[in-house]
């Protein structure tokens, strides 16, 4: 998991993480590396720095083993908070080794998908922890999601659709929820992906945000139909969405004195999806909005004449407890490893996810009207870490969309092999024979003809080829 030179170098430089130290051999002053636990660090690509040696770049099987070790041993045994700095750096190194080797196959897709889930999980679980940077975590997540978009686009050119593609296309849409061009980009997705429930849900979030229907947006996020990680990713936008809602409420309704009567704080809490009334009060005070309190009643004053200005110190993201109901005590390992493995994908052959019946002109015309009933998305066998957060992928016998009614077309296969590729013709090697003559005798007579060659192709024999006829043929070709 770590090159041998780096192990001894960091041991000498006293640059080992506590999770890489051999506790039995080390003392309070001297730390020895545990060669079984050391993991390669991320190296910045500084200008003028030499490229790493080939022996220091880990191949895909080792990268997969390293990622499994980080999830199964480090996170599960030591917790996600205590190991975040270590795991974040080592997963970044894994992505770097994939990039150095220009590996963009199913192993790279699988690793990037799990790393993306890890970053989304950290954004929710650690957002209030001291020393955790939400901005830096979002930066790494967006890079991983961008790499996945490129992998999926390359797969689309080969007619390959990865089993978890819809999930991460939806994450990409949510991460760019304020980008007006994201809908246009989504329209270029394959139809199996575009009409997938996850992508449709993400597009609905974008539409509600763009139209300013905030109460419906938060109800949708906290509803059971929204998966856990999708809700965690939406959480990074809550502060901006709530700010837009306050600005709209402060300026939309006009009264005689341009001042609304106190708005019930409890009602506003439910409207904007806050966990507690105290969270709402802190948010209101941050933007300098006046409030009144009377025993157990709190009211919010919206004043059109008073502009809401955001302070210079940015508001930190709050961990939303309502999202934890979706988790249902599922372990971090199950969340990160959730989904369908990519091992069964054949990246060398084109894969058709449509039934043959869909190419009928009538079906193509009525595709959208039939709600894509004829589309069949191939679902591979899921991994052994399934969870209820992604019910679409839990049952390997359930397709995302219904198949066509014609059972004879369900197992239709497509082949581009021709007859010549299956049974190629046998090629026969030509033989050359010459008429018998005394090879030790050299003739000086010009009238004496040279031995005439005989060409034999299998059972067909062409003999006594006249030199003059050959010359005539050559002259005709040159003319």
Protein backbone atom coordinates (compact mmCIF):
# COMPACT_ATOMS: atom_id res chain seq x y z
CA UNK A 1 0.00 0.00 0.00
CA UNK A 2 3.05 2.24 0.32
CA UNK A 3 6.36 2.21 -1.62
CA UNK A 4 9.25 0.92 0.45
CA UNK A 5 11.37 4.04 -0.09
CA UNK A 6 8.58 6.30 1.18
CA UNK A 7 8.12 4.14 4.25
CA UNK A 8 11.73 4.48 5.38
CA UNK A 9 11.91 8.11 4.27
CA UNK A 10 8.94 9.16 6.37
CA UNK A 11 10.20 7.04 9.26
CA UNK A 12 13.53 8.90 9.12
CA UNK A 13 11.80 12.28 8.78
CA UNK A 14 9.43 11.43 11.65
CA UNK A 15 6.53 12.04 9.33
CA UNK A 16 4.44 8.99 10.16
CA UNK A 17 0.77 9.14 11.04
CA UNK A 18 -0.22 7.58 14.34
CA UNK A 19 -2.14 4.94 12.38
CA UNK A 20 1.09 3.85 10.64
CA UNK A 21 3.32 3.49 13.71
CA UNK A 22 4.48 0.14 15.03
CA UNK A 23 3.34 0.48 18.62
CA UNK A 24 5.34 -2.51 19.90
CA UNK A 25 8.73 -1.30 18.65
CA UNK A 26 8.27 2.46 19.03
CA UNK A 27 9.16 4.52 22.07
CA UNK A 28 8.24 8.02 23.18
CA UNK A 29 11.10 9.49 21.15
CA UNK A 30 11.62 7.03 18.29
CA UNK A 31 8.81 5.88 16.02
CA UNK A 32 9.09 2.89 13.71
CA UNK A 33 6.90 2.31 10.71
CA UNK A 34 4.45 -0.56 10.63
CA UNK A 35 5.01 -1.87 7.10
CA UNK A 36 1.61 -3.53 6.99
CA UNK A 37 -0.27 -0.34 7.90
CA UNK A 38 1.64 2.36 6.04
CA UNK A 39 -0.31 3.95 3.17
CA UNK A 40 1.14 6.11 0.42
CA UNK A 41 0.70 9.84 0.98
CA UNK A 42 -0.55 12.35 -1.55
CA UNK A 43 2.29 14.17 -3.32
CA UNK A 44 1.71 17.60 -4.79
CA UNK A 45 2.71 18.03 -8.43
CA UNK A 46 5.09 20.93 -7.90
CA UNK A 47 6.88 22.56 -10.81
CA UNK A 48 10.29 21.03 -11.50
CA UNK A 49 9.56 17.98 -9.40
CA UNK A 50 10.58 14.65 -10.89
CA UNK A 51 7.93 12.19 -11.95
CA UNK A 52 7.50 9.21 -9.61
CA UNK A 53 9.23 5.97 -10.48
CA UNK A 54 7.04 3.25 -12.03
CA UNK A 55 7.69 1.03 -9.02
CA UNK A 56 6.21 3.72 -6.76
CA UNK A 57 2.90 3.91 -8.64
CA UNK A 58 0.39 1.34 -7.41
CA UNK A 59 -1.56 -0.76 -9.95
CA UNK A 60 -5.39 -0.99 -9.76
CA UNK A 61 -5.53 -4.20 -7.65
CA UNK A 62 -3.33 -2.59 -4.99
CA UNK A 63 -5.36 0.63 -5.12
CA UNK A 64 -8.53 -1.37 -4.54
CA UNK A 65 -6.90 -3.22 -1.65
CA UNK A 66 -5.76 0.10 -0.16
CA UNK A 67 -9.24 1.61 -0.37
CA UNK A 68 -10.75 -1.49 1.23
CA UNK A 69 -8.22 -1.21 4.05
CA UNK A 70 -9.08 2.45 4.66
CA UNK A 71 -12.79 1.69 4.84
CA UNK A 72 -12.80 -1.67 6.61
CA UNK A 73 -9.94 -1.18 9.05
CA UNK A 74 -9.35 2.53 9.55
CA UNK A 75 -12.84 4.06 9.43
CA UNK A 76 -14.71 1.16 11.01
CA UNK A 77 -12.25 0.62 13.88
CA UNK A 78 -11.23 4.21 14.65
CA UNK A 79 -14.28 6.23 13.58
CA UNK A 80 -14.83 8.71 10.79
CA UNK A 81 -13.95 11.80 12.86
CA UNK A 82 -10.64 10.58 14.28
CA UNK A 83 -9.39 9.35 10.91
CA UNK A 84 -10.68 12.02 8.55
CA UNK A 85 -7.37 13.77 7.88
CA UNK A 86 -5.60 10.47 7.26
CA UNK A 87 -8.28 8.94 5.03
CA UNK A 88 -8.85 12.16 3.09
CA UNK A 89 -5.15 12.39 2.19
CA UNK A 90 -4.81 8.69 1.33
CA UNK A 91 -7.91 8.61 -0.88
CA UNK A 92 -6.53 11.63 -2.69
CA UNK A 93 -3.33 9.65 -3.28
CA UNK A 94 -5.38 6.77 -4.69
CA UNK A 95 -6.99 9.11 -7.22
CA UNK A 96 -3.56 10.50 -8.07
CA UNK A 97 -2.19 7.05 -8.92
CA UNK A 98 -5.15 6.35 -11.18
CA UNK A 99 -4.48 9.66 -12.92
CA UNK A 100 -0.73 9.06 -13.33
CA UNK A 101 -1.43 5.77 -15.12
CA UNK A 102 -4.34 7.24 -17.10
CA UNK A 103 -6.54 4.37 -15.91
CA UNK A 104 -10.18 5.14 -16.61
CA UNK A 105 -11.74 1.68 -16.52
CA UNK A 106 -14.28 0.08 -14.20
CA UNK A 107 -11.73 -0.18 -11.37
CA UNK A 108 -11.24 3.59 -11.47
CA UNK A 109 -15.00 4.15 -11.61
CA UNK A 110 -15.61 1.90 -8.60
CA UNK A 111 -12.90 3.59 -6.52
CA UNK A 112 -14.07 7.12 -7.37
CA UNK A 113 -17.68 6.24 -6.57
CA UNK A 114 -16.79 5.03 -3.09
CA UNK A 115 -14.53 8.01 -2.44
CA UNK A 116 -17.35 10.37 -3.48
CA UNK A 117 -19.74 8.72 -1.01
CA UNK A 118 -17.11 9.15 1.70
CA UNK A 119 -16.80 12.89 1.06
CA UNK A 120 -20.59 13.37 1.07
CA UNK A 121 -20.81 11.48 4.35
CA UNK A 122 -18.08 13.65 5.90
CA UNK A 123 -19.78 16.86 4.79
CA UNK A 124 -22.80 15.90 6.88
CA UNK A 125 -21.25 14.11 9.84
CA UNK A 126 -18.28 16.44 10.47
CA UNK A 127 -19.56 19.87 9.37
CA UNK A 128 -19.70 21.17 12.97
CA UNK A 129 -16.45 19.57 14.15
CA UNK A 130 -13.50 21.75 15.04
CA UNK A 131 -10.78 21.80 12.39
CA UNK A 132 -13.03 20.48 9.64
CA UNK A 133 -13.19 22.63 6.50
CA UNK A 134 -16.46 22.30 4.61
CA UNK A 135 -15.03 24.28 1.69
CA UNK A 136 -12.01 22.00 1.26
CA UNK A 137 -14.18 18.91 1.53
CA UNK A 138 -16.55 20.25 -1.13
CA UNK A 139 -13.58 21.00 -3.36
CA UNK A 140 -12.40 17.39 -3.24
CA UNK A 141 -15.92 16.06 -3.72
CA UNK A 142 -16.50 18.21 -6.80
CA UNK A 143 -13.23 16.97 -8.31
CA UNK A 144 -14.25 13.35 -7.79
CA UNK A 145 -17.70 13.96 -9.26
CA UNK A 146 -16.15 15.71 -12.27
CA UNK A 147 -13.86 12.73 -12.88
CA UNK A 148 -16.86 10.41 -12.72
CA UNK A 149 -18.70 12.53 -15.28
CA UNK A 150 -15.76 12.08 -17.64
CA UNK A 151 -15.67 8.33 -17.03
CA UNK A 152 -19.39 8.03 -17.70
CA UNK A 153 -19.17 10.15 -20.85
CA UNK A 154 -16.40 7.93 -22.19
CA UNK A 155 -18.48 4.88 -21.36
CA UNK A 156 -21.42 6.36 -23.25
CA UNK A 157 -19.27 6.50 -26.39
CA UNK A 158 -18.71 2.73 -26.00
CA UNK A 159 -22.42 2.10 -25.25
CA UNK A 160 -21.52 1.29 -21.64
CA UNK A 161 -23.76 2.38 -18.77
CA UNK A 162 -22.31 1.79 -15.32
CA UNK A 163 -24.78 0.43 -12.75
CA UNK A 164 -24.34 3.36 -10.32
CA UNK A 165 -24.17 6.06 -12.97
CA UNK A 166 -27.63 7.50 -12.23
CA UNK A 167 -26.77 7.93 -8.55
CA UNK A 168 -23.66 10.00 -9.24
CA UNK A 169 -25.19 11.93 -12.11
CA UNK A 170 -27.80 13.00 -9.56
CA UNK A 171 -25.05 14.04 -7.11
CA UNK A 172 -23.44 16.11 -9.86
CA UNK A 173 -26.73 17.91 -10.54
CA UNK A 174 -27.22 18.67 -6.84
CA UNK A 175 -23.65 19.93 -6.48
CA UNK A 176 -24.39 22.42 -9.32
CA UNK A 177 -27.94 23.20 -8.21
CA UNK A 178 -27.52 26.97 -8.74
CA UNK A 179 -26.12 26.51 -12.26
CA UNK A 180 -28.79 27.26 -14.85
CA UNK A 181 -26.90 25.21 -17.45
CA UNK A 182 -27.12 21.99 -15.46
CA UNK A 183 -30.55 21.13 -16.88
CA UNK A 184 -29.25 21.46 -20.42
CA UNK A 185 -26.32 19.19 -19.57
CA UNK A 186 -28.66 16.63 -18.03
CA UNK A 187 -30.68 16.47 -21.23
CA UNK A 188 -27.62 14.96 -22.92
CA UNK A 189 -27.60 11.97 -20.57
CA UNK A 190 -28.71 8.59 -21.95
CA UNK A 191 -32.47 8.14 -21.58
CA UNK A 192 -32.02 5.35 -19.03
CA UNK A 193 -30.11 7.83 -16.86
CA UNK A 194 -32.20 10.93 -17.55
CA UNK A 195 -35.47 9.21 -16.59
CA UNK A 196 -34.00 7.39 -13.60
CA UNK A 197 -35.76 8.29 -10.30
CA UNK A 198 -32.54 9.66 -8.77
CA UNK A 199 -31.83 12.03 -11.65
CA UNK A 200 -35.47 13.10 -11.82
CA UNK A 201 -35.42 13.82 -8.08
CA UNK A 202 -32.24 15.88 -8.41
CA UNK A 203 -33.77 17.86 -11.28
CA UNK A 204 -36.86 18.48 -9.14
CA UNK A 205 -34.63 19.87 -6.38
CA UNK A 206 -33.03 22.19 -8.92
CA UNK A 207 -36.40 23.33 -10.22
CA UNK A 208 -37.81 24.05 -6.75
CA UNK A 209 -34.68 25.96 -5.81
CA UNK A 210 -34.72 28.01 -8.99
CA UNK A 211 -38.42 28.85 -8.63
CA UNK A 212 -38.12 29.68 -4.93
CA UNK A 213 -40.64 27.11 -3.67
CA UNK A 214 -38.67 26.57 -0.47
CA UNK A 215 -41.31 24.98 1.76
CA UNK A 216 -41.94 22.22 -0.76
CA UNK A 217 -38.20 21.80 -1.29
CA UNK A 218 -37.45 21.05 2.37
CA UNK A 219 -40.42 18.70 2.63
CA UNK A 220 -39.07 16.83 -0.37
CA UNK A 221 -35.57 16.59 1.06
CA UNK A 222 -36.80 15.15 4.37
CA UNK A 223 -39.34 12.81 2.76
CA UNK A 224 -38.66 9.04 2.73
CA UNK A 225 -38.24 9.00 -1.06
CA UNK A 226 -35.02 11.04 -0.83
CA UNK A 227 -31.99 8.76 -0.16
CA UNK A 228 -29.74 9.50 2.78
CA UNK A 229 -26.66 10.64 0.86
CA UNK A 230 -28.72 12.75 -1.50
CA UNK A 231 -30.18 14.57 1.50
CA UNK A 232 -26.69 14.99 2.99
CA UNK A 233 -25.48 16.59 -0.24
CA UNK A 234 -28.46 18.95 -0.34
CA UNK A 235 -27.51 20.05 3.17
CA UNK A 236 -24.49 21.98 1.88
CA UNK A 237 -26.91 24.39 0.14
CA UNK A 238 -29.29 24.91 3.09
CA UNK A 239 -27.74 28.19 4.28
CA UNK A 240 -27.95 29.79 0.83
CA UNK A 241 -31.49 28.52 0.23
CA UNK A 242 -32.68 29.79 3.61
CA UNK A 243 -31.06 33.17 3.02
CA UNK A 244 -32.88 33.48 -0.32
CA UNK A 245 -36.14 32.58 1.43
CA UNK A 246 -35.67 35.30 4.07
CA UNK A 247 -34.89 37.91 1.42
CA UNK A 248 -37.99 36.93 -0.53
CA UNK A 249 -40.23 37.07 2.54
CA UNK A 250 -38.73 40.39 3.60
CA UNK A 251 -39.45 42.14 0.31
CA UNK A 252 -42.31 40.30 -1.42
CA UNK A 253 -45.39 41.35 0.61
CA UNK A 254 -46.32 45.01 0.90
CA UNK A 255 -48.23 46.53 3.81
CA UNK A 256 -49.11 50.13 4.55
CA UNK A 257 -46.03 50.72 6.61
CA UNK A 258 -43.95 48.16 4.65
CA UNK A 259 -43.64 46.12 7.80
CA UNK A 260 -45.21 42.72 8.30
CA UNK A 261 -46.76 41.68 11.57
CA UNK A 262 -44.65 39.24 13.56
CA UNK A 263 -44.33 35.96 11.70
CA UNK A 264 -44.60 32.92 14.00
CA UNK A 265 -41.11 31.54 14.50
CA UNK A 266 -42.38 27.99 14.95
CA UNK A 267 -44.06 28.12 11.57
CA UNK A 268 -40.94 29.59 9.96
CA UNK A 269 -38.86 26.81 11.53
CA UNK A 270 -40.95 24.15 9.81
CA UNK A 271 -41.04 26.13 6.58
CA UNK A 272 -37.24 26.33 6.31
CA UNK A 273 -36.48 22.87 7.67
CA UNK A 274 -34.70 23.75 10.92
CA UNK A 275 -34.32 21.07 13.58
CA UNK A 276 -35.00 23.31 16.58
CA UNK A 277 -36.28 26.78 17.32
CA UNK A 278 -32.86 27.70 18.69
CA UNK A 279 -31.28 26.97 15.29
CA UNK A 280 -33.78 29.31 13.64
CA UNK A 281 -33.16 32.07 16.19
CA UNK A 282 -29.39 31.87 15.62
CA UNK A 283 -29.96 32.06 11.88
CA UNK A 284 -32.30 35.06 12.17
CA UNK A 285 -29.93 36.95 14.46
CA UNK A 286 -27.03 36.31 12.09
CA UNK A 287 -28.77 38.41 9.41
CA UNK A 288 -29.85 41.08 11.87
CA UNK A 289 -33.60 40.49 11.60
CA UNK A 290 -35.64 41.71 14.56
CA UNK A 291 -37.57 39.27 16.71
CA UNK A 292 -39.97 39.51 19.61
CA UNK A 293 -40.46 37.00 22.36
CA UNK A 294 -43.29 36.55 24.82
CA UNK A 295 -42.94 33.60 27.13
CA UNK A 296 -42.97 30.61 24.75
CA UNK A 297 -43.88 32.62 21.68
CA UNK A 298 -41.34 34.00 19.22
CA UNK A 299 -42.16 36.26 16.29
CA UNK A 300 -40.02 37.45 13.39
CA UNK A 301 -40.35 40.99 12.00
CA UNK A 302 -39.84 41.36 8.24
CA UNK A 303 -39.24 44.97 7.25
CA UNK A 304 -39.19 45.93 3.58
CA UNK A 305 -37.24 49.08 4.34
CA UNK A 306 -34.49 47.10 6.03
CA UNK A 307 -32.21 45.26 3.62
CA UNK A 308 -30.82 41.91 4.69
CA UNK A 309 -27.03 42.03 4.48
CA UNK A 310 -24.83 39.02 5.09
CA UNK A 311 -21.99 39.64 7.58
CA UNK A 312 -18.36 39.22 6.56
CA UNK A 313 -17.96 36.13 8.73
CA UNK A 314 -19.62 33.28 6.87
CA UNK A 315 -22.21 31.18 8.63
CA UNK A 316 -21.06 27.65 9.39
CA UNK A 317 -23.04 24.69 8.15
CA UNK A 318 -25.26 22.97 10.70
CA UNK A 319 -25.67 19.23 10.97
CA UNK A 320 -29.33 18.44 10.30
CA UNK A 321 -30.59 15.76 12.65
CA UNK A 322 -33.68 15.12 10.55
CA UNK A 323 -31.44 13.50 7.93
CA UNK A 324 -30.21 10.94 10.44
CA UNK A 325 -33.63 9.31 10.43
CA UNK A 326 -32.87 8.17 6.90
CA UNK A 327 -29.66 6.48 8.00
CA UNK A 328 -31.42 4.08 10.35
CA UNK A 329 -28.18 3.05 12.14
CA UNK A 330 -26.55 1.82 8.95
CA UNK A 331 -22.75 1.62 9.32
CA UNK A 332 -20.36 3.92 7.49
CA UNK A 333 -18.96 0.92 5.63
CA UNK A 334 -22.36 0.00 4.24
CA UNK A 335 -23.01 3.58 3.18
CA UNK A 336 -19.68 3.95 1.36
CA UNK A 337 -19.78 0.51 -0.27
CA UNK A 338 -23.46 0.73 -1.16
CA UNK A 339 -24.59 0.25 -4.74
CA UNK A 340 -23.72 -2.25 -7.46
CA UNK A 341 -20.16 -3.36 -8.15
CA UNK A 342 -18.69 -2.69 -11.58
CA UNK A 343 -16.70 -5.93 -11.86
CA UNK A 344 -19.10 -7.64 -14.27
CA UNK A 345 -19.02 -4.91 -16.92
CA UNK A 346 -17.42 -5.88 -20.23
CA UNK A 347 -15.68 -2.73 -21.40
CA UNK A 348 -14.43 -4.29 -24.64
CA UNK A 349 -17.81 -5.06 -26.20
CA UNK A 350 -20.71 -2.70 -26.87
CA UNK A 351 -23.61 -3.11 -24.47
CA UNK A 352 -27.19 -2.39 -25.51
CA UNK A 353 -29.55 -1.48 -22.71
CA UNK A 354 -32.58 -1.23 -25.02
CA UNK A 355 -34.82 -4.10 -26.00
CA UNK A 356 -35.04 -4.72 -29.71
CA UNK A 357 -38.73 -3.80 -29.58
CA UNK A 358 -37.88 -0.20 -28.76
CA UNK A 359 -36.50 0.37 -32.22
CA UNK A 360 -39.97 -0.01 -33.63
CA UNK A 361 -41.02 3.38 -35.01
CA UNK A 362 -44.30 3.36 -33.11
CA UNK A 363 -42.53 2.76 -29.83
CA UNK A 364 -39.99 5.48 -30.52
CA UNK A 365 -42.76 8.00 -31.15
CA UNK A 366 -44.57 7.10 -27.96
CA UNK A 367 -41.51 6.61 -25.77
CA UNK A 368 -42.13 9.56 -23.48
CA UNK A 369 -45.87 8.97 -23.37
CA UNK A 370 -45.37 5.41 -22.18
CA UNK A 371 -43.08 6.59 -19.37
CA UNK A 372 -40.19 4.58 -20.84
CA UNK A 373 -41.90 1.25 -20.22
CA UNK A 374 -39.92 -0.44 -22.96
CA UNK A 375 -36.52 0.63 -21.67
CA UNK A 376 -34.51 -2.02 -19.91
CA UNK A 377 -31.55 -0.99 -17.83
CA UNK A 378 -29.29 -3.94 -17.08
CA UNK A 379 -28.71 -4.29 -13.35
CA UNK A 380 -25.71 -6.32 -12.27
CA UNK A 381 -25.54 -8.45 -9.15
CA UNK A 382 -25.25 -6.15 -6.10
CA UNK A 383 -22.48 -6.30 -3.58
CA UNK A 384 -23.00 -7.88 -0.18
CA UNK A 385 -23.22 -4.49 1.51
CA UNK A 386 -26.72 -3.45 0.49
CA UNK A 387 -28.90 -1.01 2.38
CA UNK A 388 -32.37 0.39 2.26
CA UNK A 389 -31.09 3.83 1.35
CA UNK A 390 -30.99 2.85 -2.30
CA UNK A 391 -34.02 0.59 -2.74
CA UNK A 392 -33.78 0.60 -6.51
CA UNK A 393 -30.54 -1.37 -6.45
CA UNK A 394 -31.28 -3.71 -3.56
CA UNK A 395 -33.07 -6.40 -5.54
CA UNK A 396 -30.96 -7.81 -8.41
CA UNK A 397 -34.13 -9.14 -10.04
CA UNK A 398 -35.79 -5.75 -10.24
CA UNK A 399 -35.00 -3.45 -13.14
CA UNK A 400 -35.24 0.30 -12.85
CA UNK A 401 -37.78 0.37 -15.67
CA UNK A 402 -40.34 -2.22 -16.71
CA UNK A 403 -39.47 -4.45 -19.62
CA UNK A 404 -41.58 -4.80 -22.72
CA UNK A 405 -44.51 -7.17 -22.68
CA UNK A 406 -43.05 -9.40 -25.38
CA UNK A 407 -41.20 -12.10 -23.46
CA UNK A 408 -39.45 -13.30 -26.60
CA UNK A 409 -37.49 -10.06 -26.72
CA UNK A 410 -36.27 -10.05 -23.13
CA UNK A 411 -33.24 -12.20 -23.83
CA UNK A 412 -32.44 -10.77 -27.23
CA UNK A 413 -28.71 -10.46 -27.84
CA UNK A 414 -26.95 -8.39 -30.44
CA UNK A 415 -23.90 -9.54 -32.37
CA UNK A 416 -21.73 -7.80 -34.92
CA UNK A 417 -19.88 -10.96 -35.95
CA UNK A 418 -19.98 -11.90 -39.60
CA UNK A 419 -19.67 -15.35 -41.04
CA UNK A 420 -16.13 -14.73 -42.12
CA UNK A 421 -15.17 -13.80 -38.57
CA UNK A 422 -16.70 -16.97 -37.19
CA UNK A 423 -15.33 -19.40 -39.83
CA UNK A 424 -12.46 -17.67 -41.62
CA UNK A 425 -11.40 -19.26 -44.94
CA UNK A 426 -8.34 -21.44 -44.89
CA UNK A 427 -5.35 -19.92 -46.62
CA UNK A 428 -3.16 -22.29 -48.64
CA UNK A 429 0.52 -21.62 -48.98
CA UNK A 430 1.71 -21.65 -52.62
CA UNK A 431 4.55 -23.99 -53.59
CA UNK A 432 7.14 -23.39 -56.25
CA UNK A 433 8.70 -26.21 -58.33
CA UNK A 434 11.16 -26.11 -61.18
CA UNK A 435 11.68 -28.58 -64.00
CA UNK A 436 14.51 -30.98 -63.56
CA UNK A 437 17.84 -30.00 -65.02
CA UNK A 438 21.44 -30.48 -64.26
CA UNK A 439 22.15 -27.74 -61.83
CA UNK A 440 25.89 -28.21 -62.39
CA UNK A 441 25.61 -27.43 -66.11
CA UNK A 442 25.75 -23.82 -67.24
CA UNK A 443 24.52 -23.15 -70.76
CA UNK A 444 26.18 -20.45 -72.87
CA UNK A 445 23.82 -20.78 -75.80
CA UNK A 446 21.37 -17.88 -75.93
CA UNK A 447 18.85 -19.99 -77.81
CA UNK A 448 18.73 -22.49 -74.99
CA UNK A 449 15.66 -21.75 -72.90
CA UNK A 450 15.88 -21.57 -69.17
CA UNK A 451 13.93 -24.03 -67.08
CA UNK A 452 10.32 -22.93 -66.95
CA UNK A 453 8.97 -22.55 -63.42
CA UNK A 454 5.82 -24.21 -62.24
CA UNK A 455 3.52 -22.56 -59.67
CA UNK A 456 1.27 -24.76 -57.62
CA UNK A 457 -1.68 -23.48 -55.46
CA UNK A 458 -3.15 -26.45 -53.65
CA UNK A 459 -4.74 -28.74 -56.22
CA UNK A 460 -4.61 -26.15 -59.03
CA UNK A 461 -1.44 -26.27 -61.07
CA UNK A 462 -0.29 -23.70 -63.59
CA UNK A 463 2.61 -24.97 -65.66
CA UNK A 464 4.77 -23.83 -68.57
CA UNK A 465 4.44 -20.12 -68.06
CA UNK A 466 5.76 -18.43 -71.20
CA UNK A 467 8.18 -15.59 -70.59
CA UNK A 468 6.82 -13.61 -73.50
CA UNK A 469 3.27 -13.74 -72.24
CA UNK A 470 4.44 -12.48 -68.87
CA UNK A 471 6.27 -9.60 -70.55
CA UNK A 472 3.20 -8.75 -72.63
CA UNK A 473 1.02 -8.67 -69.55
CA UNK A 474 3.43 -6.36 -67.82
CA UNK A 475 3.49 -4.06 -70.85
CA UNK A 476 -0.31 -3.97 -70.94
CA UNK A 477 -0.48 -3.04 -67.25
CA UNK A 478 2.08 -0.28 -67.69
CA UNK A 479 0.14 1.09 -70.67
